[in-house]
């Protein structure tokens, strides 16, 4: 299944951002892993600082009481598909929030909120890959591994995604993206210290490793 790929000169104001924090964080022992401290601030605060300059409007996708994120001064939107349906629900939430709140935005960039070292040029490079390949969607890749939750999504596909989730029960990101031409933005794993820019803090030991990487001074 393909769509019209006539997208040229995608600019900063055309792209909104959605921070995906709607999961249950089971491997971290529950709670909001994105609020765990790292290097004197929360993981989420680090990510917001990296993401803000890359997009226009920015929304946080999180379930439960939004007051726990009040210090970030961000709009918070709960999943529009019930049942903790995973990152795709967050992407759809971002699409529909932008369509209702920022109608001039045509694209949504999605960011996992457990990856404290994401690149400052992530969105720029996803846009470049998408335009170069004439694709419908884009995602990041590092060390040969794709990271579909770090993606660039056209809001024109929001209806298709909602139908796929609600009527077909689609939950895996790559099961949905496989229906469309997908561009890949490649990122190197830093050879000097083997730091993957998409290293994520799923477990307590990952958080300890992130602290060690920060203390090494190589980031």
N, C-alpha and C. Protein backbone atom coordinates (compact mmCIF):
# COMPACT_ATOMS: atom_id res chain seq x y z
N UNK A 1 0.85 -1.20 0.00
CA UNK A 1 0.00 0.00 0.00
C UNK A 1 0.88 1.24 0.00
N UNK A 2 0.66 2.11 -0.92
CA UNK A 2 1.45 3.34 -0.99
C UNK A 2 0.52 4.53 -1.06
N UNK A 3 1.09 5.70 -0.84
CA UNK A 3 0.31 6.92 -0.87
C UNK A 3 1.03 7.95 -1.71
N UNK A 4 0.40 9.09 -1.89
CA UNK A 4 1.02 10.20 -2.59
C UNK A 4 2.26 10.66 -1.84
N UNK A 5 3.40 10.66 -2.47
CA UNK A 5 4.64 11.01 -1.79
C UNK A 5 5.14 12.39 -2.19
N UNK A 6 4.25 13.27 -2.65
CA UNK A 6 4.66 14.60 -3.09
C UNK A 6 4.87 15.50 -1.88
N UNK A 7 6.05 15.38 -1.28
CA UNK A 7 6.39 16.21 -0.13
C UNK A 7 7.76 16.81 -0.39
N UNK A 8 7.79 18.13 -0.54
CA UNK A 8 9.04 18.79 -0.85
C UNK A 8 9.28 19.93 0.14
N UNK A 9 10.54 20.16 0.44
CA UNK A 9 10.92 21.28 1.28
C UNK A 9 10.18 21.26 2.61
N UNK A 10 10.24 20.14 3.30
CA UNK A 10 9.62 20.03 4.62
C UNK A 10 10.42 20.89 5.58
N UNK A 11 9.77 21.86 6.20
CA UNK A 11 10.45 22.79 7.08
C UNK A 11 10.12 22.54 8.54
N UNK A 12 10.82 23.26 9.41
CA UNK A 12 10.66 23.12 10.85
C UNK A 12 9.20 23.29 11.27
N UNK A 13 8.52 24.28 10.71
CA UNK A 13 7.15 24.56 11.11
C UNK A 13 6.16 23.51 10.62
N UNK A 14 6.60 22.65 9.71
CA UNK A 14 5.73 21.58 9.21
C UNK A 14 5.72 20.36 10.12
N UNK A 15 6.62 20.32 11.09
CA UNK A 15 6.83 19.11 11.88
C UNK A 15 6.54 19.37 13.35
N UNK A 16 5.61 18.60 13.91
CA UNK A 16 5.38 18.58 15.34
C UNK A 16 6.11 17.39 15.95
N UNK A 17 6.21 17.38 17.26
CA UNK A 17 6.89 16.29 17.93
C UNK A 17 6.00 15.65 18.98
N UNK A 18 6.11 14.33 19.13
CA UNK A 18 5.41 13.63 20.20
C UNK A 18 6.42 12.80 20.98
N UNK A 19 6.43 13.01 22.28
CA UNK A 19 7.30 12.28 23.21
C UNK A 19 6.50 11.11 23.74
N UNK A 20 7.00 9.90 23.50
CA UNK A 20 6.25 8.69 23.83
C UNK A 20 6.58 8.22 25.24
N UNK A 21 5.65 8.46 26.18
CA UNK A 21 5.85 8.07 27.57
C UNK A 21 4.61 7.37 28.12
N UNK A 22 3.93 6.64 27.25
CA UNK A 22 2.66 6.03 27.66
C UNK A 22 2.76 4.60 28.13
N UNK A 23 3.99 4.04 28.22
CA UNK A 23 4.14 2.64 28.60
C UNK A 23 4.07 2.41 30.09
N UNK A 24 4.18 1.13 30.47
CA UNK A 24 4.07 0.74 31.88
C UNK A 24 5.42 0.57 32.56
N UNK A 25 6.51 0.60 31.81
CA UNK A 25 7.88 0.54 32.38
C UNK A 25 8.08 -0.69 33.27
N UNK A 26 7.58 -1.82 32.83
CA UNK A 26 7.67 -3.03 33.65
C UNK A 26 9.11 -3.42 33.95
N UNK A 27 9.99 -3.33 32.93
CA UNK A 27 11.38 -3.78 33.14
C UNK A 27 12.15 -2.85 34.08
N UNK A 28 11.63 -1.63 34.28
CA UNK A 28 12.26 -0.71 35.21
C UNK A 28 11.63 -0.80 36.58
N UNK A 29 10.64 -1.68 36.71
CA UNK A 29 9.98 -1.84 38.00
C UNK A 29 8.75 -0.98 38.17
N UNK A 30 8.21 -0.45 37.05
CA UNK A 30 7.01 0.36 37.11
C UNK A 30 7.31 1.84 37.28
N UNK A 31 6.25 2.64 37.27
CA UNK A 31 6.43 4.08 37.38
C UNK A 31 6.87 4.67 36.05
N UNK A 32 7.26 5.93 36.09
CA UNK A 32 7.70 6.63 34.88
C UNK A 32 9.21 6.58 34.78
N UNK A 33 9.72 5.68 33.95
CA UNK A 33 11.18 5.58 33.85
C UNK A 33 11.79 6.85 33.29
N UNK A 34 10.99 7.60 32.50
CA UNK A 34 11.53 8.82 31.93
C UNK A 34 11.78 9.90 32.99
N UNK A 35 11.20 9.73 34.19
CA UNK A 35 11.42 10.69 35.27
C UNK A 35 12.55 10.28 36.20
N UNK A 36 13.19 9.16 35.91
CA UNK A 36 14.36 8.75 36.72
C UNK A 36 15.49 9.75 36.52
N UNK A 37 16.23 10.06 37.58
CA UNK A 37 17.32 11.03 37.46
C UNK A 37 18.52 10.46 36.71
N UNK A 38 19.15 11.33 35.93
CA UNK A 38 20.37 10.97 35.20
C UNK A 38 21.21 12.23 35.05
N UNK A 39 22.37 12.24 35.66
CA UNK A 39 23.26 13.39 35.52
C UNK A 39 22.68 14.68 36.04
N UNK A 40 21.92 14.62 37.12
CA UNK A 40 21.40 15.83 37.73
C UNK A 40 20.07 16.32 37.21
N UNK A 41 19.50 15.63 36.25
CA UNK A 41 18.17 15.96 35.76
C UNK A 41 17.48 14.68 35.33
N UNK A 42 16.19 14.73 35.09
CA UNK A 42 15.49 13.53 34.66
C UNK A 42 15.85 13.19 33.22
N UNK A 43 15.68 11.92 32.89
CA UNK A 43 15.90 11.48 31.51
C UNK A 43 15.02 12.31 30.57
N UNK A 44 13.78 12.51 30.96
CA UNK A 44 12.85 13.25 30.10
C UNK A 44 13.30 14.70 29.91
N UNK A 45 13.79 15.34 30.95
CA UNK A 45 14.29 16.71 30.81
C UNK A 45 15.44 16.78 29.81
N UNK A 46 16.33 15.80 29.85
CA UNK A 46 17.42 15.75 28.89
C UNK A 46 16.89 15.62 27.47
N UNK A 47 15.91 14.75 27.30
CA UNK A 47 15.37 14.51 25.96
C UNK A 47 14.62 15.74 25.45
N UNK A 48 13.83 16.37 26.30
CA UNK A 48 13.10 17.58 25.89
C UNK A 48 14.08 18.66 25.42
N UNK A 49 15.18 18.82 26.14
CA UNK A 49 16.17 19.83 25.75
C UNK A 49 16.75 19.54 24.37
N UNK A 50 16.91 18.26 24.04
CA UNK A 50 17.44 17.87 22.73
C UNK A 50 16.39 18.01 21.63
N UNK A 51 15.15 17.72 21.96
CA UNK A 51 14.09 17.66 20.96
C UNK A 51 13.50 19.03 20.63
N UNK A 52 13.35 19.87 21.61
CA UNK A 52 12.65 21.15 21.39
C UNK A 52 13.13 21.92 20.16
N UNK A 53 14.45 22.06 19.95
CA UNK A 53 14.89 22.84 18.78
C UNK A 53 14.63 22.15 17.44
N UNK A 54 14.28 20.86 17.48
CA UNK A 54 14.15 20.09 16.24
C UNK A 54 12.75 20.12 15.64
N UNK A 55 11.75 20.55 16.42
CA UNK A 55 10.37 20.50 15.97
C UNK A 55 9.65 21.80 16.31
N UNK A 56 8.44 21.92 15.80
CA UNK A 56 7.58 23.03 16.18
C UNK A 56 6.82 22.69 17.44
N UNK A 57 5.48 22.50 17.34
CA UNK A 57 4.72 22.13 18.53
C UNK A 57 5.20 20.78 19.08
N UNK A 58 5.17 20.65 20.40
CA UNK A 58 5.64 19.43 21.05
C UNK A 58 4.61 19.00 22.09
N UNK A 59 4.23 17.73 22.05
CA UNK A 59 3.26 17.19 23.00
C UNK A 59 3.84 15.94 23.65
N UNK A 60 3.50 15.75 24.91
CA UNK A 60 3.92 14.56 25.66
C UNK A 60 2.77 13.57 25.70
N UNK A 61 2.99 12.39 25.19
CA UNK A 61 1.99 11.32 25.26
C UNK A 61 2.22 10.51 26.53
N UNK A 62 1.31 10.64 27.49
CA UNK A 62 1.44 9.92 28.75
C UNK A 62 0.05 9.67 29.31
N UNK A 63 -0.11 8.54 29.99
CA UNK A 63 -1.37 8.18 30.60
C UNK A 63 -1.33 8.47 32.10
N UNK A 64 -2.48 8.53 32.73
CA UNK A 64 -2.52 8.83 34.16
C UNK A 64 -2.57 10.33 34.42
N UNK A 65 -2.26 10.70 35.65
CA UNK A 65 -2.36 12.09 36.09
C UNK A 65 -1.28 12.93 35.41
N UNK A 66 -1.67 13.90 34.58
CA UNK A 66 -0.67 14.72 33.89
C UNK A 66 0.08 15.67 34.82
N UNK A 67 -0.40 15.85 36.04
CA UNK A 67 0.23 16.81 36.96
C UNK A 67 1.68 16.45 37.26
N UNK A 68 2.03 15.18 37.15
CA UNK A 68 3.41 14.79 37.45
C UNK A 68 4.41 15.32 36.44
N UNK A 69 3.92 15.83 35.32
CA UNK A 69 4.78 16.41 34.30
C UNK A 69 4.66 17.93 34.22
N UNK A 70 3.99 18.53 35.19
CA UNK A 70 3.68 19.97 35.12
C UNK A 70 4.94 20.82 35.01
N UNK A 71 6.03 20.37 35.62
CA UNK A 71 7.26 21.17 35.63
C UNK A 71 7.86 21.33 34.23
N UNK A 72 7.43 20.50 33.30
CA UNK A 72 7.96 20.57 31.94
C UNK A 72 7.23 21.60 31.07
N UNK A 73 6.07 22.04 31.54
CA UNK A 73 5.28 23.04 30.80
C UNK A 73 4.99 22.58 29.37
N UNK A 74 4.60 21.32 29.27
CA UNK A 74 4.23 20.73 27.99
C UNK A 74 2.78 20.28 28.02
N UNK A 75 2.06 20.36 26.90
CA UNK A 75 0.75 19.72 26.85
C UNK A 75 0.92 18.21 26.95
N UNK A 76 0.00 17.57 27.66
CA UNK A 76 0.04 16.12 27.86
C UNK A 76 -1.23 15.52 27.26
N UNK A 77 -1.07 14.50 26.44
CA UNK A 77 -2.20 13.83 25.79
C UNK A 77 -2.14 12.34 26.07
N UNK A 78 -3.21 11.80 26.61
CA UNK A 78 -3.30 10.36 26.87
C UNK A 78 -3.56 9.60 25.57
N UNK A 79 -3.26 8.30 25.59
CA UNK A 79 -3.49 7.47 24.41
C UNK A 79 -4.93 7.61 23.90
N UNK A 80 -5.07 7.74 22.61
CA UNK A 80 -6.40 7.81 22.01
C UNK A 80 -6.96 6.42 21.72
N UNK A 81 -6.13 5.39 21.88
CA UNK A 81 -6.57 4.00 21.81
C UNK A 81 -6.35 3.40 23.19
N UNK A 82 -7.37 2.82 23.76
CA UNK A 82 -7.30 2.34 25.14
C UNK A 82 -6.50 1.04 25.25
N UNK A 83 -6.10 0.73 26.47
CA UNK A 83 -5.49 -0.56 26.76
C UNK A 83 -3.99 -0.61 26.66
N UNK A 84 -3.33 0.51 26.83
CA UNK A 84 -1.86 0.55 26.74
C UNK A 84 -1.40 -0.19 25.48
N UNK A 85 -1.80 0.37 24.35
CA UNK A 85 -1.62 -0.29 23.05
C UNK A 85 -0.23 -0.10 22.46
N UNK A 86 0.70 0.51 23.20
CA UNK A 86 2.08 0.59 22.74
C UNK A 86 2.40 1.86 21.99
N UNK A 87 3.62 1.92 21.43
CA UNK A 87 4.08 3.15 20.77
C UNK A 87 3.20 3.62 19.62
N UNK A 88 2.60 2.69 18.88
CA UNK A 88 1.73 3.13 17.78
C UNK A 88 0.57 3.99 18.29
N UNK A 89 0.07 3.65 19.47
CA UNK A 89 -1.00 4.46 20.05
C UNK A 89 -0.49 5.86 20.35
N UNK A 90 0.77 5.96 20.78
CA UNK A 90 1.36 7.27 21.02
C UNK A 90 1.55 8.06 19.75
N UNK A 91 1.96 7.39 18.70
CA UNK A 91 2.13 8.06 17.41
C UNK A 91 0.77 8.58 16.91
N UNK A 92 -0.26 7.73 17.00
CA UNK A 92 -1.60 8.16 16.59
C UNK A 92 -2.09 9.32 17.45
N UNK A 93 -1.81 9.26 18.74
CA UNK A 93 -2.18 10.35 19.64
C UNK A 93 -1.53 11.65 19.18
N UNK A 94 -0.24 11.58 18.85
CA UNK A 94 0.46 12.76 18.37
C UNK A 94 -0.12 13.29 17.08
N UNK A 95 -0.43 12.39 16.15
CA UNK A 95 -1.03 12.80 14.88
C UNK A 95 -2.35 13.53 15.10
N UNK A 96 -3.23 12.92 15.91
CA UNK A 96 -4.55 13.49 16.10
C UNK A 96 -4.50 14.76 16.94
N UNK A 97 -3.57 14.83 17.88
CA UNK A 97 -3.42 16.06 18.67
C UNK A 97 -2.96 17.20 17.76
N UNK A 98 -2.01 16.94 16.89
CA UNK A 98 -1.53 17.99 15.98
C UNK A 98 -2.64 18.42 15.03
N UNK A 99 -3.39 17.47 14.53
CA UNK A 99 -4.45 17.79 13.58
C UNK A 99 -5.51 18.69 14.23
N UNK A 100 -5.75 18.49 15.53
CA UNK A 100 -6.75 19.28 16.21
C UNK A 100 -6.24 20.58 16.80
N UNK A 101 -4.93 20.63 17.10
CA UNK A 101 -4.37 21.77 17.83
C UNK A 101 -3.45 22.63 16.97
N UNK A 102 -2.76 22.01 16.04
CA UNK A 102 -1.80 22.72 15.19
C UNK A 102 -2.03 22.31 13.75
N UNK A 103 -3.12 22.78 13.14
CA UNK A 103 -3.52 22.31 11.82
C UNK A 103 -2.51 22.59 10.71
N UNK A 104 -1.58 23.51 10.93
CA UNK A 104 -0.57 23.76 9.91
C UNK A 104 0.53 22.73 9.86
N UNK A 105 0.57 21.85 10.86
CA UNK A 105 1.60 20.82 10.94
C UNK A 105 1.19 19.62 10.09
N UNK A 106 2.08 19.16 9.23
CA UNK A 106 1.76 18.05 8.33
C UNK A 106 2.48 16.76 8.71
N UNK A 107 3.46 16.85 9.61
CA UNK A 107 4.28 15.69 9.98
C UNK A 107 4.44 15.64 11.49
N UNK A 108 4.61 14.43 11.99
CA UNK A 108 4.91 14.23 13.41
C UNK A 108 6.20 13.42 13.52
N UNK A 109 7.13 13.93 14.30
CA UNK A 109 8.33 13.17 14.65
C UNK A 109 8.11 12.56 16.03
N UNK A 110 8.38 11.29 16.16
CA UNK A 110 8.16 10.60 17.44
C UNK A 110 9.49 10.28 18.10
N UNK A 111 9.48 10.36 19.43
CA UNK A 111 10.69 10.14 20.21
C UNK A 111 10.37 9.26 21.42
N UNK A 112 11.10 8.17 21.57
CA UNK A 112 11.02 7.41 22.82
C UNK A 112 11.61 8.26 23.94
N UNK A 113 11.09 8.08 25.16
CA UNK A 113 11.56 8.91 26.27
C UNK A 113 12.43 8.13 27.25
N UNK A 114 13.06 7.07 26.74
CA UNK A 114 14.01 6.32 27.58
C UNK A 114 15.39 6.28 26.94
N UNK A 115 15.64 7.16 25.96
CA UNK A 115 16.91 7.19 25.23
C UNK A 115 17.57 8.55 25.42
N UNK A 116 18.42 8.70 26.44
CA UNK A 116 18.91 10.03 26.83
C UNK A 116 19.96 10.64 25.91
N UNK A 117 20.47 9.88 24.94
CA UNK A 117 21.58 10.38 24.13
C UNK A 117 21.19 10.58 22.66
N UNK A 118 19.91 10.79 22.37
CA UNK A 118 19.48 10.89 20.98
C UNK A 118 20.14 12.07 20.27
N UNK A 119 20.36 11.95 18.97
CA UNK A 119 21.09 12.98 18.22
C UNK A 119 20.34 14.30 18.10
N UNK A 120 21.10 15.38 18.08
CA UNK A 120 20.51 16.71 17.93
C UNK A 120 20.09 17.00 16.49
N UNK A 121 20.52 16.17 15.56
CA UNK A 121 20.12 16.34 14.17
C UNK A 121 19.22 15.21 13.69
N UNK A 122 18.55 14.55 14.62
CA UNK A 122 17.73 13.40 14.28
C UNK A 122 16.65 13.75 13.26
N UNK A 123 15.88 14.80 13.52
CA UNK A 123 14.77 15.13 12.63
C UNK A 123 15.29 15.59 11.27
N UNK A 124 16.32 16.40 11.27
CA UNK A 124 16.90 16.87 10.00
C UNK A 124 17.31 15.71 9.12
N UNK A 125 17.91 14.71 9.71
CA UNK A 125 18.39 13.57 8.93
C UNK A 125 17.27 12.65 8.50
N UNK A 126 16.21 12.54 9.31
CA UNK A 126 15.06 11.76 8.87
C UNK A 126 14.37 12.45 7.70
N UNK A 127 14.25 13.78 7.77
CA UNK A 127 13.66 14.52 6.65
C UNK A 127 14.48 14.32 5.38
N UNK A 128 15.81 14.42 5.51
CA UNK A 128 16.69 14.26 4.35
C UNK A 128 16.53 12.88 3.73
N UNK A 129 16.46 11.85 4.58
CA UNK A 129 16.30 10.49 4.07
C UNK A 129 14.96 10.33 3.37
N UNK A 130 13.91 10.88 3.96
CA UNK A 130 12.58 10.76 3.38
C UNK A 130 12.50 11.45 2.03
N UNK A 131 13.06 12.66 1.95
CA UNK A 131 13.01 13.39 0.68
C UNK A 131 13.91 12.75 -0.37
N UNK A 132 15.05 12.24 0.07
CA UNK A 132 15.98 11.61 -0.88
C UNK A 132 15.36 10.37 -1.51
N UNK A 133 14.65 9.60 -0.72
CA UNK A 133 14.11 8.33 -1.19
C UNK A 133 12.66 8.43 -1.67
N UNK A 134 12.05 9.59 -1.51
CA UNK A 134 10.66 9.74 -1.92
C UNK A 134 9.72 8.82 -1.19
N UNK A 135 10.01 8.58 0.10
CA UNK A 135 9.24 7.64 0.91
C UNK A 135 8.06 8.32 1.59
N UNK A 136 7.21 7.52 2.23
CA UNK A 136 6.08 8.04 2.99
C UNK A 136 6.44 8.27 4.45
N UNK A 137 7.34 7.44 4.97
CA UNK A 137 7.71 7.46 6.37
C UNK A 137 9.23 7.39 6.49
N UNK A 138 9.74 7.74 7.65
CA UNK A 138 11.17 7.57 7.89
C UNK A 138 11.38 7.11 9.33
N UNK A 139 12.49 6.39 9.55
CA UNK A 139 12.87 6.05 10.91
C UNK A 139 14.39 6.03 11.01
N UNK A 140 14.88 5.95 12.24
CA UNK A 140 16.31 5.95 12.49
C UNK A 140 16.86 4.53 12.53
N UNK A 141 18.17 4.43 12.27
CA UNK A 141 18.87 3.15 12.39
C UNK A 141 20.27 3.41 12.90
N UNK A 142 20.75 2.55 13.78
CA UNK A 142 22.14 2.64 14.25
C UNK A 142 22.69 1.25 14.44
N UNK A 143 23.95 1.08 14.07
CA UNK A 143 24.58 -0.23 14.23
C UNK A 143 23.83 -1.34 13.55
N UNK A 144 23.15 -1.04 12.45
CA UNK A 144 22.39 -2.04 11.72
C UNK A 144 21.02 -2.34 12.29
N UNK A 145 20.64 -1.69 13.38
CA UNK A 145 19.34 -1.94 14.00
C UNK A 145 18.42 -0.76 13.79
N UNK A 146 17.23 -1.04 13.28
CA UNK A 146 16.25 0.02 13.08
C UNK A 146 15.57 0.37 14.41
N UNK A 147 15.20 1.64 14.53
CA UNK A 147 14.52 2.14 15.73
C UNK A 147 13.22 2.80 15.28
N UNK A 148 12.18 2.00 15.05
CA UNK A 148 10.96 2.53 14.44
C UNK A 148 10.21 3.53 15.31
N UNK A 149 10.46 3.56 16.64
CA UNK A 149 9.77 4.55 17.46
C UNK A 149 10.36 5.94 17.29
N UNK A 150 11.57 6.03 16.72
CA UNK A 150 12.13 7.32 16.33
C UNK A 150 11.81 7.49 14.85
N UNK A 151 10.64 8.06 14.61
CA UNK A 151 10.15 8.09 13.24
C UNK A 151 9.60 9.45 12.83
N UNK A 152 9.35 9.57 11.54
CA UNK A 152 8.73 10.75 10.95
C UNK A 152 7.49 10.27 10.20
N UNK A 153 6.33 10.79 10.61
CA UNK A 153 5.05 10.25 10.19
C UNK A 153 4.19 11.35 9.55
N UNK A 154 3.61 11.11 8.38
CA UNK A 154 2.71 12.10 7.78
C UNK A 154 1.33 12.04 8.43
N UNK A 155 0.82 13.18 8.84
CA UNK A 155 -0.48 13.21 9.50
C UNK A 155 -1.59 12.76 8.56
N UNK A 156 -1.37 12.85 7.26
CA UNK A 156 -2.39 12.39 6.32
C UNK A 156 -2.72 10.90 6.48
N UNK A 157 -1.83 10.15 7.15
CA UNK A 157 -2.07 8.71 7.35
C UNK A 157 -2.72 8.41 8.70
N UNK A 158 -3.14 9.44 9.43
CA UNK A 158 -3.74 9.21 10.76
C UNK A 158 -4.97 8.31 10.68
N UNK A 159 -5.83 8.54 9.69
CA UNK A 159 -7.02 7.71 9.55
C UNK A 159 -6.67 6.26 9.26
N UNK A 160 -5.67 6.04 8.41
CA UNK A 160 -5.23 4.67 8.10
C UNK A 160 -4.69 3.99 9.35
N UNK A 161 -3.92 4.73 10.15
CA UNK A 161 -3.35 4.14 11.36
C UNK A 161 -4.45 3.82 12.37
N UNK A 162 -5.40 4.71 12.52
CA UNK A 162 -6.50 4.44 13.46
C UNK A 162 -7.26 3.18 13.04
N UNK A 163 -7.57 3.05 11.77
CA UNK A 163 -8.27 1.85 11.30
C UNK A 163 -7.45 0.60 11.54
N UNK A 164 -6.15 0.68 11.28
CA UNK A 164 -5.28 -0.49 11.47
C UNK A 164 -5.26 -0.93 12.94
N UNK A 165 -5.25 0.05 13.85
CA UNK A 165 -5.20 -0.28 15.27
C UNK A 165 -6.54 -0.75 15.79
N UNK A 166 -7.60 -0.05 15.44
CA UNK A 166 -8.92 -0.33 16.01
C UNK A 166 -9.60 -1.52 15.33
N UNK A 167 -9.51 -1.57 14.00
CA UNK A 167 -10.24 -2.61 13.28
C UNK A 167 -9.41 -3.87 13.05
N UNK A 168 -8.08 -3.70 12.92
CA UNK A 168 -7.23 -4.86 12.63
C UNK A 168 -6.43 -5.32 13.84
N UNK A 169 -6.40 -4.52 14.88
CA UNK A 169 -5.65 -4.90 16.08
C UNK A 169 -4.15 -4.80 15.91
N UNK A 170 -3.67 -4.00 14.95
CA UNK A 170 -2.23 -3.84 14.74
C UNK A 170 -1.63 -3.13 15.94
N UNK A 171 -0.50 -3.69 16.46
CA UNK A 171 0.17 -3.09 17.59
C UNK A 171 1.66 -2.86 17.33
N UNK A 172 2.29 -3.70 16.54
CA UNK A 172 3.72 -3.56 16.29
C UNK A 172 3.97 -2.45 15.27
N UNK A 173 4.92 -1.58 15.61
CA UNK A 173 5.21 -0.45 14.74
C UNK A 173 5.63 -0.92 13.36
N UNK A 174 6.55 -1.89 13.31
CA UNK A 174 7.06 -2.29 12.00
C UNK A 174 6.03 -3.07 11.19
N UNK A 175 5.01 -3.62 11.84
CA UNK A 175 3.94 -4.28 11.10
C UNK A 175 3.12 -3.26 10.31
N UNK A 176 3.03 -2.05 10.84
CA UNK A 176 2.29 -1.00 10.13
C UNK A 176 3.17 -0.28 9.12
N UNK A 177 4.40 0.04 9.50
CA UNK A 177 5.27 0.77 8.59
C UNK A 177 5.61 -0.07 7.35
N UNK A 178 5.53 -1.39 7.47
CA UNK A 178 5.84 -2.26 6.33
C UNK A 178 4.86 -2.06 5.18
N UNK A 179 3.75 -1.39 5.43
CA UNK A 179 2.77 -1.16 4.38
C UNK A 179 3.12 0.02 3.47
N UNK A 180 4.14 0.76 3.85
CA UNK A 180 4.48 2.01 3.15
C UNK A 180 5.97 2.06 2.83
N UNK A 181 6.34 2.83 1.81
CA UNK A 181 7.77 3.06 1.56
C UNK A 181 8.40 3.75 2.78
N UNK A 182 9.43 3.15 3.32
CA UNK A 182 10.07 3.63 4.55
C UNK A 182 11.51 4.02 4.28
N UNK A 183 11.86 5.27 4.58
CA UNK A 183 13.25 5.73 4.44
C UNK A 183 13.98 5.51 5.76
N UNK A 184 15.28 5.27 5.66
CA UNK A 184 16.11 5.01 6.84
C UNK A 184 17.15 6.10 6.98
N UNK A 185 17.22 6.70 8.16
CA UNK A 185 18.28 7.65 8.49
C UNK A 185 19.31 6.93 9.35
N UNK A 186 20.50 6.73 8.80
CA UNK A 186 21.53 5.96 9.48
C UNK A 186 22.37 6.84 10.40
N UNK A 187 22.67 6.32 11.58
CA UNK A 187 23.53 6.99 12.55
C UNK A 187 24.61 6.02 12.98
N UNK A 188 25.84 6.53 13.07
CA UNK A 188 26.97 5.71 13.47
C UNK A 188 26.95 5.50 14.98
N UNK A 189 27.45 4.34 15.39
CA UNK A 189 27.76 4.11 16.80
C UNK A 189 29.17 4.62 17.02
N UNK A 190 29.33 5.57 17.93
CA UNK A 190 30.61 6.23 18.16
C UNK A 190 31.71 5.20 18.43
N UNK A 191 32.74 5.10 17.55
CA UNK A 191 33.74 4.04 17.70
C UNK A 191 34.61 4.20 18.94
N UNK A 192 34.81 5.43 19.38
CA UNK A 192 35.73 5.63 20.51
C UNK A 192 35.20 5.04 21.80
N UNK A 193 33.88 5.08 22.00
CA UNK A 193 33.35 4.57 23.25
C UNK A 193 32.15 3.64 23.06
N UNK A 194 31.84 3.31 21.80
CA UNK A 194 30.77 2.37 21.47
C UNK A 194 29.42 2.81 22.02
N UNK A 195 29.19 4.10 22.08
CA UNK A 195 27.90 4.60 22.56
C UNK A 195 26.91 4.65 21.40
N UNK A 196 25.84 3.90 21.53
CA UNK A 196 24.78 3.96 20.54
C UNK A 196 23.93 5.19 20.85
N UNK A 197 23.70 6.08 19.86
CA UNK A 197 22.90 7.27 20.16
C UNK A 197 21.47 6.95 20.56
N UNK A 198 21.03 5.72 20.33
CA UNK A 198 19.68 5.33 20.72
C UNK A 198 19.68 4.33 21.88
N UNK A 199 20.78 4.30 22.61
CA UNK A 199 20.86 3.51 23.86
C UNK A 199 19.66 3.85 24.74
N UNK A 200 18.96 2.81 25.23
CA UNK A 200 17.79 3.11 26.05
C UNK A 200 17.92 2.52 27.46
N UNK A 201 17.23 3.17 28.36
CA UNK A 201 17.31 2.81 29.78
C UNK A 201 16.05 2.05 30.18
N UNK A 202 15.98 0.81 29.73
CA UNK A 202 14.82 -0.02 30.03
C UNK A 202 14.86 -0.59 31.44
N UNK A 203 16.08 -0.89 31.92
CA UNK A 203 16.24 -1.59 33.19
C UNK A 203 17.14 -0.79 34.12
N UNK A 204 17.11 -1.09 35.43
CA UNK A 204 17.98 -0.37 36.35
C UNK A 204 19.45 -0.43 35.96
N UNK A 205 19.90 -1.57 35.43
CA UNK A 205 21.31 -1.67 35.04
C UNK A 205 21.63 -0.79 33.83
N UNK A 206 20.63 -0.56 32.98
CA UNK A 206 20.83 0.36 31.85
C UNK A 206 21.00 1.79 32.35
N UNK A 207 20.24 2.15 33.37
CA UNK A 207 20.36 3.49 33.93
C UNK A 207 21.74 3.68 34.56
N UNK A 208 22.23 2.64 35.23
CA UNK A 208 23.57 2.72 35.80
C UNK A 208 24.62 2.87 34.70
N UNK A 209 24.45 2.18 33.59
CA UNK A 209 25.37 2.30 32.47
C UNK A 209 25.31 3.70 31.86
N UNK A 210 24.11 4.28 31.78
CA UNK A 210 23.98 5.63 31.27
C UNK A 210 24.73 6.62 32.16
N UNK A 211 24.66 6.44 33.47
CA UNK A 211 25.41 7.29 34.39
C UNK A 211 26.91 7.16 34.14
N UNK A 212 27.35 5.91 33.91
CA UNK A 212 28.78 5.69 33.65
C UNK A 212 29.20 6.37 32.36
N UNK A 213 28.37 6.28 31.34
CA UNK A 213 28.69 6.93 30.05
C UNK A 213 28.77 8.45 30.20
N UNK A 214 27.87 9.01 30.96
CA UNK A 214 27.92 10.45 31.20
C UNK A 214 29.20 10.85 31.94
N UNK A 215 29.53 10.05 32.95
CA UNK A 215 30.71 10.37 33.76
C UNK A 215 32.00 10.22 32.96
N UNK A 216 31.96 9.43 31.87
CA UNK A 216 33.17 9.22 31.07
C UNK A 216 33.58 10.47 30.33
N UNK A 217 32.64 11.40 30.13
CA UNK A 217 32.94 12.64 29.44
C UNK A 217 33.04 12.53 27.95
N UNK A 218 32.64 11.38 27.39
CA UNK A 218 32.75 11.18 25.95
C UNK A 218 31.49 11.53 25.17
N UNK A 219 30.47 12.00 25.86
CA UNK A 219 29.20 12.30 25.19
C UNK A 219 29.09 13.79 24.91
